[in-house]
Amino acid sequence: MSLSIISQDIKSPEEFLGYKLGTQFTLHQKAVDYFKYVAAVSDNVKYLSYGKTNEGRDLGVVFVSDTDNLVNLEQIRKDNLVNTGLLAGERTGDQMPLVWLSYNVHGNESVGLEASLQTLYTLVKRSFEGVNEWMKECIIIIDPCQNPDGRDLYANRYRRSQSIKPNPNPDDWQHHQPWPSARLNHYLFDLNRDWVWQTQAETMQRIRLYNQYMPHVHADFHEMGSGSTFFFAPGADPWHDAITPSQHEFHKLTGKANDELFDKEYKLYFTKESFDLFCPSFGDTWPLFNGAMGFTYEQGGGGYAGLAIDNNNGDTLTLSERIEGHFLASMATIKVSYENREKLISEFNKFFLSGLEKPVFEYESVIIKGDNDKAAVTSLMEMLDKNQIKYGLAGNTGKTYKAFDYLANKEGQVKITDGDILISARQPQSHLVKVLFEPDSKYNDSLSYDLTAWALPYVYNLKAYAVKDRIQGLDKKLESKNETNIVPGERPYAYIVDFMGFNEVKLMSYLLKEK
């Protein structure tokens, strides 16, 4: 049976859900059911569950491409990692652009999930100009909802407060949701500030999958105030100086691709304002620092907009119009990735391989002293592992180097002793080493969207030194700094613990729960 015949039989979201997209908010499980349904009936779609939220909702993505590409998906994945140096093996010239579209990291920026349904259906129906070519040459990854708990909180609240017909009056109850904000996850954490830190269950599971594929393009879909129009690349200043010239250029190309589609549909938009590219916590910057072309898209609307809201200019903004904005941006992102696929792949590989030859960080080596707080060092090592940054034991024991002393905030010296940890800037993740260990990030503007300082030695309060010399590491595995203490078999009357750091706080919490 031909793929075209199969695609004719696929139900639209409206046929599957029983209502037209834009007329009500889709609950997360219904959207997951639709994604799984399409994967079951189409050879062009593969569904993969990558975890659960704190409230037990499914986290999953679909891979969308021609059948042959999906059959060879595991080999395509491995070839991509090998060609970047992140996975050992013989490099080949066989690569294919991986374009990852992530929706609804903020639960009350509610259009994302709806737009993902429209995007998936359009791709499998091949009903947009160019889709046939895109599917042959690209793997498209769609995460319909990064924050299902927040999204369902918003949708259920809205369903409870909405009128029979949408009331666009901004003062109506349906436009004002109570605390806690559905923007956040179950533990009231902003998941769009967690990309580099990876403290939340949703983030950790998502990035574990992300690191297995390392996409060439990542687009993160958001909403802003209902009085705004639509934002797409290029971003506002400041841009972190670890962002490469090719990434700058691709932002311009993507902006142009969006220009064309939005102008064709007479939709308003703006660029180069409000949303900068500096702090590594976000769904655009963290992918940029991992070699991808990272983007934020912002549709006017947000939690107040509901199904329809009157703006003060006499216009009424509807959910259907908001869906169209994110849908067009999705198509533009895939289109520009397809059209520039060869350069996209070559620049992606260069991003990682160049770090082995000439690190972008002004310091060749970072030394973490071995006599630091064990819990803090363990936390640092865990974060480095999550971000695929290599480290090990420092060699050249007994030798003294000129170095920048992080805690003293000045130039000084460091003597290498047994147990010191070495983080070399000469590795595939050289750019991320620079971003996370640079004592003072270069800043070319007086305003920024978020944090302007985050160097890890300060975050973990560690004695650490940055050295311009290349220090060799020992060929010896570095074990976790955690220690296991023997507790008597009989239930003790009390515990006495030396308070050294955060691990002791976790121990006390555990003991109180087990009393």
Protein backbone atom coordinates (compact mmCIF):
# COMPACT_ATOMS: atom_id res chain seq x y z
CA MET A 1 0.00 0.00 0.00
CA SER A 2 1.39 3.41 -0.90
CA LEU A 3 2.01 6.06 1.73
CA SER A 4 -0.31 8.49 -0.05
CA ILE A 5 -3.24 6.08 0.35
CA ILE A 6 -2.45 5.60 4.03
CA SER A 7 -2.33 9.36 4.59
CA GLN A 8 -5.78 9.76 3.04
CA ASP A 9 -7.24 7.55 5.78
CA ILE A 10 -5.80 9.47 8.73
CA LYS A 11 -8.39 11.29 10.79
CA SER A 12 -7.94 14.99 11.31
CA PRO A 13 -7.75 16.34 14.88
CA GLU A 14 -11.34 17.53 14.45
CA GLU A 15 -12.55 14.07 13.38
CA PHE A 16 -10.63 12.35 16.18
CA LEU A 17 -11.42 14.80 19.01
CA GLY A 18 -14.97 15.66 17.99
CA TYR A 19 -14.47 19.42 17.77
CA LYS A 20 -12.61 21.90 15.60
CA LEU A 21 -9.20 23.03 16.82
CA GLY A 22 -9.54 26.46 18.37
CA THR A 23 -13.06 25.97 19.72
CA GLN A 24 -11.96 24.47 23.05
CA PHE A 25 -8.79 23.52 24.88
CA THR A 26 -7.67 19.94 24.32
CA LEU A 27 -6.81 17.97 27.44
CA HIS A 28 -3.33 16.51 27.40
CA GLN A 29 -4.33 12.85 27.35
CA LYS A 30 -6.60 13.40 24.35
CA ALA A 31 -3.69 14.99 22.48
CA VAL A 32 -1.42 12.08 23.41
CA ASP A 33 -4.10 9.67 22.21
CA TYR A 34 -4.18 11.47 18.86
CA PHE A 35 -0.40 11.39 18.50
CA LYS A 36 -0.38 7.67 19.30
CA TYR A 37 -3.26 7.09 16.88
CA VAL A 38 -1.41 8.79 14.02
CA ALA A 39 1.74 6.80 14.81
CA ALA A 40 -0.29 3.58 14.72
CA VAL A 41 -1.84 4.22 11.29
CA SER A 42 1.03 6.02 9.51
CA ASP A 43 4.39 4.62 8.48
CA ASN A 44 5.70 8.19 8.59
CA VAL A 45 5.29 8.65 12.35
CA LYS A 46 6.86 6.95 15.36
CA TYR A 47 5.73 7.72 18.92
CA LEU A 48 8.20 7.48 21.81
CA SER A 49 7.30 7.93 25.47
CA TYR A 50 10.25 9.38 27.36
CA GLY A 51 8.85 9.62 30.89
CA LYS A 52 6.15 10.74 33.29
CA THR A 53 5.37 14.00 35.06
CA ASN A 54 5.06 14.32 38.83
CA GLU A 55 1.29 13.81 38.44
CA GLY A 56 1.72 10.74 36.24
CA ARG A 57 1.03 12.25 32.81
CA ASP A 58 2.88 10.90 29.79
CA LEU A 59 5.83 12.74 28.30
CA GLY A 60 6.39 11.80 24.68
CA VAL A 61 7.57 12.84 21.24
CA VAL A 62 6.86 11.75 17.69
CA PHE A 63 9.43 11.34 14.94
CA VAL A 64 8.04 12.32 11.54
CA SER A 65 9.81 11.45 8.28
CA ASP A 66 9.74 9.13 5.28
CA THR A 67 9.42 5.44 6.11
CA ASP A 68 13.01 4.55 5.19
CA ASN A 69 14.35 7.26 7.48
CA LEU A 70 12.32 5.99 10.43
CA VAL A 71 13.44 2.42 9.77
CA ASN A 72 17.04 3.67 9.95
CA LEU A 73 16.41 6.10 12.82
CA GLU A 74 18.77 4.40 15.28
CA GLN A 75 21.64 4.46 12.77
CA ILE A 76 20.90 8.10 11.92
CA ARG A 77 20.98 8.91 15.63
CA LYS A 78 24.33 7.19 16.19
CA ASP A 79 25.91 8.69 13.07
CA ASN A 80 24.95 12.15 14.28
CA LEU A 81 26.61 11.63 17.67
CA VAL A 82 29.73 10.04 16.21
CA ASN A 83 30.22 12.87 13.73
CA THR A 84 30.17 15.40 16.57
CA GLY A 85 32.67 13.47 18.68
CA LEU A 86 30.12 12.95 21.46
CA LEU A 87 30.04 9.20 20.77
CA ALA A 88 33.09 7.07 20.04
CA GLY A 89 33.22 5.48 16.61
CA GLU A 90 34.32 5.94 13.02
CA ARG A 91 32.98 9.15 11.51
CA THR A 92 30.88 8.90 8.37
CA GLY A 93 29.41 11.45 6.03
CA ASP A 94 25.90 10.14 6.60
CA GLN A 95 23.79 12.65 8.48
CA MET A 96 20.31 14.06 8.27
CA PRO A 97 18.96 17.24 9.88
CA LEU A 98 17.07 16.61 13.10
CA VAL A 99 14.52 19.39 13.63
CA TRP A 100 12.99 19.38 17.12
CA LEU A 101 9.81 21.40 17.82
CA SER A 102 8.90 21.83 21.51
CA TYR A 103 5.54 23.21 22.59
CA ASN A 104 3.89 24.34 25.84
CA VAL A 105 6.73 24.45 28.38
CA HIS A 106 4.52 26.98 30.19
CA GLY A 107 1.15 25.40 30.93
CA ASN A 108 -0.95 28.54 30.61
CA GLU A 109 0.66 29.53 27.29
CA SER A 110 -1.98 27.21 26.06
CA VAL A 111 -1.88 27.43 22.27
CA GLY A 112 1.23 25.24 21.95
CA LEU A 113 -0.48 21.88 22.35
CA GLU A 114 -3.20 22.86 19.88
CA ALA A 115 -0.63 24.02 17.31
CA SER A 116 1.31 20.76 17.65
CA LEU A 117 -1.81 18.82 16.62
CA GLN A 118 -2.20 20.96 13.51
CA THR A 119 1.50 20.63 12.69
CA LEU A 120 1.51 16.84 12.95
CA TYR A 121 -1.62 16.44 10.83
CA THR A 122 -0.30 18.77 8.12
CA LEU A 123 2.96 16.83 7.89
CA VAL A 124 1.38 13.38 7.62
CA LYS A 125 -1.21 14.63 5.10
CA ARG A 126 1.59 16.38 3.19
CA SER A 127 -0.79 19.27 2.68
CA PHE A 128 1.74 22.11 2.86
CA GLU A 129 4.02 23.06 -0.03
CA GLY A 130 7.39 21.33 0.26
CA VAL A 131 6.46 18.67 2.82
CA ASN A 132 7.31 15.77 0.49
CA GLU A 133 10.89 17.03 0.14
CA TRP A 134 11.19 17.83 3.85
CA MET A 135 10.16 14.30 4.81
CA LYS A 136 12.76 12.76 2.50
CA GLU A 137 15.65 14.79 3.88
CA CYS A 138 14.76 15.61 7.51
CA ILE A 139 13.72 13.95 10.75
CA ILE A 140 11.13 16.15 12.46
CA ILE A 141 10.69 15.63 16.21
CA ILE A 142 7.57 17.04 17.88
CA ASP A 143 7.12 17.32 21.64
CA PRO A 144 3.48 18.44 21.93
CA CYS A 145 3.63 19.46 25.58
CA GLN A 146 6.67 19.83 27.82
CA ASN A 147 4.55 20.67 30.87
CA PRO A 148 1.42 18.46 30.88
CA ASP A 149 0.61 19.08 34.55
CA GLY A 150 0.52 22.85 34.13
CA ARG A 151 -1.29 22.60 30.79
CA ASP A 152 -4.09 20.42 32.19
CA LEU A 153 -4.42 22.68 35.22
CA TYR A 154 -5.02 25.59 32.85
CA ALA A 155 -7.38 23.68 30.54
CA ASN A 156 -9.51 22.26 33.35
CA ARG A 157 -9.80 25.62 35.09
CA TYR A 158 -10.78 27.30 31.84
CA ARG A 159 -13.40 24.68 31.04
CA ARG A 160 -14.90 25.21 34.48
CA SER A 161 -15.09 29.00 34.16
CA GLN A 162 -15.91 29.49 30.47
CA SER A 163 -19.32 30.57 29.19
CA ILE A 164 -21.36 28.75 26.53
CA LYS A 165 -19.97 31.19 23.98
CA PRO A 166 -16.49 32.62 24.54
CA ASN A 167 -16.71 35.94 26.34
CA PRO A 168 -13.91 38.18 25.00
CA ASN A 169 -14.35 40.77 27.78
CA PRO A 170 -10.96 40.88 29.56
CA ASP A 171 -12.75 41.35 32.90
CA ASP A 172 -14.62 38.06 32.63
CA TRP A 173 -13.78 35.28 35.12
CA GLN A 174 -12.45 32.95 32.42
CA HIS A 175 -9.56 35.35 31.75
CA HIS A 176 -8.33 35.38 35.37
CA GLN A 177 -7.03 32.13 36.83
CA PRO A 178 -6.07 31.88 40.52
CA TRP A 179 -2.87 30.84 42.24
CA PRO A 180 -0.98 28.60 41.76
CA SER A 181 -0.09 29.63 38.24
CA ALA A 182 -0.62 26.99 35.56
CA ARG A 183 2.50 28.41 33.92
CA LEU A 184 4.55 26.24 36.29
CA ASN A 185 4.91 22.51 36.86
CA HIS A 186 3.53 20.51 39.81
CA TYR A 187 6.18 21.91 42.15
CA LEU A 188 5.61 25.49 40.93
CA PHE A 189 8.90 25.57 39.03
CA ASP A 190 9.37 27.45 35.76
CA LEU A 191 10.55 24.72 33.39
CA ASN A 192 11.86 27.28 30.91
CA ARG A 193 14.52 28.27 33.47
CA ASP A 194 15.65 24.68 33.95
CA TRP A 195 17.33 23.64 30.71
CA VAL A 196 20.91 23.90 31.93
CA TRP A 197 20.22 23.12 35.61
CA GLN A 198 17.95 20.11 35.04
CA THR A 199 16.43 20.02 38.51
CA GLN A 200 12.88 19.00 37.55
CA ALA A 201 11.59 15.58 36.50
CA GLU A 202 10.20 16.84 33.18
CA THR A 203 13.47 18.55 32.24
CA MET A 204 15.74 15.68 33.25
CA GLN A 205 13.77 13.14 31.24
CA ARG A 206 13.45 15.42 28.20
CA ILE A 207 17.14 16.30 28.07
CA ARG A 208 18.13 12.68 28.57
CA LEU A 209 16.29 12.03 25.29
CA TYR A 210 17.59 15.23 23.68
CA ASN A 211 21.18 14.16 24.39
CA GLN A 212 20.57 10.83 22.69
CA TYR A 213 19.75 12.61 19.42
CA MET A 214 21.36 16.08 19.60
CA PRO A 215 19.11 17.88 17.10
CA HIS A 216 20.51 20.41 14.65
CA VAL A 217 17.55 22.75 15.20
CA HIS A 218 15.42 23.33 18.28
CA ALA A 219 12.41 25.66 18.39
CA ASP A 220 10.63 26.48 21.64
CA PHE A 221 7.06 27.78 21.32
CA HIS A 222 5.71 30.33 23.82
CA GLU A 223 3.11 33.02 24.28
CA MET A 224 3.29 36.61 25.54
CA GLY A 225 0.72 39.28 26.38
CA SER A 226 -2.44 39.35 24.28
CA GLY A 227 -1.71 42.91 23.13
CA SER A 228 1.46 41.77 21.35
CA THR A 229 1.64 40.24 17.87
CA PHE A 230 4.26 37.55 17.15
CA PHE A 231 7.99 37.38 17.82
CA PHE A 232 10.51 35.40 15.83
CA ALA A 233 14.25 35.52 15.15
CA PRO A 234 16.61 37.31 15.15
CA GLY A 235 16.62 37.89 18.89
CA ALA A 236 17.34 41.06 20.82
CA ASP A 237 20.71 42.00 22.31
CA PRO A 238 22.55 40.77 24.27
CA TRP A 239 23.72 37.65 22.45
CA HIS A 240 26.25 35.54 24.33
CA ASP A 241 29.60 35.62 22.55
CA ALA A 242 29.74 31.80 22.53
CA ILE A 243 27.04 31.90 19.84
CA THR A 244 28.83 31.32 16.54
CA PRO A 245 28.70 33.42 13.35
CA SER A 246 26.87 30.59 11.57
CA GLN A 247 24.22 30.57 14.31
CA HIS A 248 23.83 34.33 13.89
CA GLU A 249 23.40 33.84 10.15
CA PHE A 250 20.87 31.03 10.54
CA HIS A 251 18.78 33.23 12.81
CA LYS A 252 18.59 35.78 9.99
CA LEU A 253 17.64 33.09 7.47
CA THR A 254 14.93 31.75 9.76
CA GLY A 255 13.58 35.24 10.32
CA LYS A 256 13.34 35.68 6.56
CA ALA A 257 11.53 32.34 6.17
CA ASN A 258 9.00 33.45 8.78
CA ASP A 259 8.69 36.87 7.12
CA GLU A 260 7.55 35.24 3.90
CA LEU A 261 4.88 33.03 5.46
CA PHE A 262 3.54 35.68 7.83
CA ASP A 263 3.41 38.34 5.11
CA LYS A 264 1.53 35.93 2.86
CA GLU A 265 -1.13 35.49 5.56
CA TYR A 266 -1.15 39.22 6.49
CA LYS A 267 -0.06 38.51 10.07
CA LEU A 268 1.77 41.07 12.19
CA TYR A 269 5.11 40.31 13.85
CA PHE A 270 8.30 41.83 15.23
CA THR A 271 11.95 40.83 15.69
CA LYS A 272 15.08 41.97 17.58
CA GLU A 273 13.13 43.10 20.65
CA SER A 274 12.52 41.80 24.19
CA PHE A 275 13.86 38.25 23.85
CA ASP A 276 17.65 38.05 24.04
CA LEU A 277 20.06 35.11 23.80
CA PHE A 278 22.32 35.26 26.82
CA CYS A 279 21.37 33.15 29.85
CA PRO A 280 21.82 29.36 29.32
CA SER A 281 18.65 28.40 31.21
CA PHE A 282 16.27 28.66 28.25
CA GLY A 283 14.95 26.48 25.43
CA ASP A 284 16.67 28.65 22.81
CA THR A 285 20.05 29.41 24.44
CA TRP A 286 20.81 25.96 25.88
CA PRO A 287 20.34 24.33 22.44
CA LEU A 288 22.50 27.09 20.91
CA PHE A 289 25.27 26.28 23.40
CA ASN A 290 24.82 22.63 22.38
CA GLY A 291 25.49 23.37 18.71
CA ALA A 292 21.88 23.60 17.52
CA MET A 293 20.08 26.50 15.91
CA GLY A 294 17.94 27.44 18.90
CA PHE A 295 14.85 29.65 18.66
CA THR A 296 12.09 31.12 20.77
CA TYR A 297 8.74 31.83 19.16
CA GLU A 298 6.30 34.07 21.04
CA GLN A 299 2.66 34.30 20.01
CA GLY A 300 0.50 37.07 21.44
CA GLY A 301 -2.10 35.59 23.78
CA GLY A 302 -1.00 33.82 26.94
CA GLY A 303 -3.01 32.73 29.94
CA TYR A 304 -5.43 35.65 29.88
CA ALA A 305 -6.48 35.14 26.26
CA GLY A 306 -8.66 32.03 26.60
CA LEU A 307 -10.68 31.19 23.50
CA ALA A 308 -11.11 34.86 22.61
CA ILE A 309 -10.12 38.20 24.12
CA ASP A 310 -10.76 41.80 23.13
CA ASN A 311 -7.66 43.91 22.77
CA ASN A 312 -7.89 47.61 23.49
CA ASN A 313 -7.41 48.38 19.78
CA GLY A 314 -10.83 47.02 18.82
CA ASP A 315 -9.60 43.61 17.63
CA THR A 316 -10.59 40.26 19.10
CA LEU A 317 -7.79 37.69 19.33
CA THR A 318 -9.01 34.10 19.03
CA LEU A 319 -7.39 30.78 19.85
CA SER A 320 -7.67 29.84 16.16
CA GLU A 321 -5.56 32.86 15.19
CA ARG A 322 -2.98 31.95 17.80
CA ILE A 323 -2.80 28.38 16.47
CA GLU A 324 -2.11 29.76 13.01
CA GLY A 325 0.85 31.80 14.28
CA HIS A 326 2.66 28.82 15.82
CA PHE A 327 1.71 26.60 12.90
CA LEU A 328 3.29 29.02 10.39
CA ALA A 329 6.43 29.33 12.51
CA SER A 330 6.66 25.52 12.66
CA MET A 331 6.47 25.27 8.88
CA ALA A 332 9.03 28.06 8.41
CA THR A 333 11.47 26.34 10.79
CA ILE A 334 11.30 23.03 8.95
CA LYS A 335 11.47 24.76 5.56
CA VAL A 336 14.63 26.76 6.32
CA SER A 337 16.27 23.69 7.88
CA TYR A 338 15.58 21.66 4.73
CA GLU A 339 16.82 24.40 2.40
CA ASN A 340 20.09 24.81 4.32
CA ARG A 341 20.54 21.20 5.40
CA GLU A 342 24.09 20.66 4.15
CA LYS A 343 25.51 23.77 5.82
CA LEU A 344 23.41 23.10 8.90
CA ILE A 345 25.05 19.70 9.34
CA SER A 346 28.60 20.85 8.55
CA GLU A 347 28.41 23.80 10.96
CA PHE A 348 26.90 21.57 13.65
CA ASN A 349 29.80 19.11 13.39
CA LYS A 350 32.30 21.96 13.29
CA PHE A 351 30.83 23.40 16.49
CA PHE A 352 31.86 20.30 18.44
CA LEU A 353 35.01 19.20 16.61
CA SER A 354 36.54 22.69 16.74
CA GLY A 355 36.58 22.45 20.53
CA LEU A 356 39.04 19.57 20.30
CA GLU A 357 41.47 21.66 18.24
CA LYS A 358 41.05 25.20 19.55
CA PRO A 359 38.88 25.80 22.63
CA VAL A 360 36.71 28.91 22.58
CA PHE A 361 37.30 29.49 26.31
CA GLU A 362 40.29 31.70 27.13
CA TYR A 363 41.32 29.15 29.78
CA GLU A 364 42.45 25.67 28.73
CA SER A 365 41.74 24.02 32.07
CA VAL A 366 39.53 24.39 35.13
CA ILE A 367 40.73 22.84 38.39
CA ILE A 368 38.24 21.94 41.14
CA LYS A 369 40.16 21.30 44.34
CA GLY A 370 39.73 17.86 45.84
CA ASP A 371 39.21 19.13 49.40
CA ASN A 372 35.95 20.94 48.59
CA ASP A 373 32.65 20.00 50.24
CA LYS A 374 31.89 16.50 49.00
CA ALA A 375 28.19 17.17 48.46
CA ALA A 376 28.91 20.29 46.42
CA VAL A 377 31.46 18.46 44.26
CA THR A 378 29.04 15.58 43.71
CA SER A 379 26.32 18.04 42.67
CA LEU A 380 28.73 19.66 40.21
CA MET A 381 29.71 16.28 38.74
CA GLU A 382 26.06 15.34 38.32
CA MET A 383 25.37 18.59 36.49
CA LEU A 384 28.38 18.10 34.22
CA ASP A 385 27.18 14.59 33.40
CA LYS A 386 23.71 15.88 32.50
CA ASN A 387 25.29 18.43 30.15
CA GLN A 388 27.72 15.91 28.59
CA ILE A 389 30.78 17.82 29.83
CA LYS A 390 33.79 15.56 30.32
CA TYR A 391 35.96 15.73 33.44
CA GLY A 392 38.48 13.59 35.32
CA LEU A 393 41.34 13.58 37.78
CA ALA A 394 44.05 16.17 37.18
CA GLY A 395 47.56 15.03 36.39
CA ASN A 396 50.84 16.93 36.93
CA THR A 397 50.51 16.50 40.71
CA GLY A 398 52.74 18.91 42.63
CA LYS A 399 53.09 21.40 39.80
CA THR A 400 52.07 25.04 40.32
CA TYR A 401 50.33 27.14 37.65
CA LYS A 402 49.30 30.75 37.27
CA ALA A 403 45.52 30.74 37.55
CA PHE A 404 42.37 32.76 38.05
CA ASP A 405 41.10 32.13 41.59
CA TYR A 406 37.29 32.12 41.43
CA LEU A 407 36.58 32.70 45.13
CA ALA A 408 39.21 35.44 45.44
CA ASN A 409 38.08 36.87 42.08
CA LYS A 410 41.64 37.62 41.02
CA GLU A 411 44.69 36.12 39.39
CA GLY A 412 46.78 33.86 41.61
CA GLN A 413 48.31 30.39 41.66
CA VAL A 414 47.14 26.82 42.06
CA LYS A 415 49.18 23.76 43.02
CA ILE A 416 47.83 20.46 41.72
CA THR A 417 47.30 17.93 44.50
CA ASP A 418 45.93 14.39 44.65
CA GLY A 419 42.18 14.28 44.10
CA ASP A 420 41.88 17.55 42.16
CA ILE A 421 39.33 17.46 39.35
CA LEU A 422 40.20 18.65 35.84
CA ILE A 423 37.68 20.05 33.36
CA SER A 424 39.43 20.59 30.06
CA ALA A 425 38.12 23.15 27.60
CA ARG A 426 39.54 20.95 24.83
CA GLN A 427 36.48 18.72 24.32
CA PRO A 428 33.34 18.54 22.14
CA GLN A 429 31.40 20.62 24.69
CA SER A 430 34.02 23.39 24.64
CA HIS A 431 31.41 26.10 24.10
CA LEU A 432 29.37 24.95 27.08
CA VAL A 433 32.50 24.82 29.25
CA LYS A 434 33.10 28.47 28.37
CA VAL A 435 29.50 29.44 29.09
CA LEU A 436 29.36 27.69 32.47
CA PHE A 437 32.87 28.45 33.77
CA GLU A 438 33.59 31.90 32.39
CA PRO A 439 34.09 34.11 35.48
CA ASP A 440 32.53 37.16 33.86
CA SER A 441 30.42 36.70 30.73
CA LYS A 442 30.78 39.46 28.13
CA TYR A 443 27.72 41.69 28.12
CA ASN A 444 26.98 44.18 25.33
CA ASP A 445 23.73 45.70 26.59
CA SER A 446 22.40 47.36 29.73
CA LEU A 447 19.25 45.21 29.82
CA SER A 448 18.66 41.46 29.79
CA TYR A 449 15.70 39.13 29.99
CA ASP A 450 17.09 37.11 32.91
CA LEU A 451 20.29 36.11 34.75
CA THR A 452 23.62 37.69 33.85
CA ALA A 453 25.89 35.61 36.13
CA TRP A 454 25.94 31.84 36.78
CA ALA A 455 29.57 30.56 36.80
CA LEU A 456 29.44 27.12 38.41
CA PRO A 457 32.26 27.57 40.96
CA TYR A 458 30.18 30.38 42.46
CA VAL A 459 26.93 28.42 42.22
CA TYR A 460 28.42 25.53 44.23
CA ASN A 461 30.80 27.66 46.36
CA LEU A 462 33.86 25.70 45.29
CA LYS A 463 37.55 26.38 45.51
CA ALA A 464 38.31 26.44 41.79
CA TYR A 465 40.90 27.83 39.42
CA ALA A 466 40.97 28.58 35.69
CA VAL A 467 44.34 27.92 34.06
CA LYS A 468 45.52 29.03 30.61
CA ASP A 469 47.92 26.09 30.38
CA ARG A 470 46.86 22.72 29.05
CA ILE A 471 46.88 20.27 31.95
CA GLN A 472 46.86 16.55 31.30
CA GLY A 473 44.33 14.34 33.02
CA LEU A 474 45.00 10.97 34.62
CA ASP A 475 43.82 7.82 32.89
CA LYS A 476 41.83 6.89 35.97
CA LYS A 477 38.10 6.90 36.59
CA LEU A 478 36.84 9.55 38.96
CA GLU A 479 34.44 8.07 41.48
CA SER A 480 31.58 9.86 43.20
CA LYS A 481 32.52 11.77 46.32
CA ASN A 482 29.61 10.28 48.27
CA GLU A 483 30.61 8.01 51.15
CA THR A 484 28.64 5.16 52.68
CA ASN A 485 28.54 4.90 56.47
CA ILE A 486 27.68 1.72 58.35
CA VAL A 487 24.65 2.02 60.65
CA PRO A 488 24.02 -0.57 63.42
CA GLY A 489 21.38 -3.16 62.60
CA GLU A 490 19.29 -2.37 65.67
CA ARG A 491 17.14 0.75 65.55
CA PRO A 492 19.35 3.46 67.10
CA TYR A 493 18.12 5.95 69.69
CA ALA A 494 19.55 8.91 67.73
CA TYR A 495 21.87 9.81 64.85
CA ILE A 496 24.86 12.14 65.11
CA VAL A 497 25.99 13.59 61.79
CA ASP A 498 28.78 16.01 60.96
CA PHE A 499 27.04 18.83 59.11
CA MET A 500 29.18 19.30 55.98
CA GLY A 501 26.72 20.34 53.28
CA PHE A 502 23.42 19.73 51.52
CA ASN A 503 23.68 15.93 51.70
CA GLU A 504 23.23 16.13 55.47
CA VAL A 505 20.02 18.13 54.97
CA LYS A 506 18.72 15.39 52.66
CA LEU A 507 19.71 12.75 55.24
CA MET A 508 17.79 14.53 58.01
CA SER A 509 14.75 14.80 55.75
CA TYR A 510 14.94 11.09 54.98
CA LEU A 511 15.30 10.13 58.65
CA LEU A 512 12.30 12.24 59.65
CA LYS A 513 10.18 10.52 57.01
CA GLU A 514 11.31 7.08 58.24
CA LYS A 515 10.71 7.71 61.96
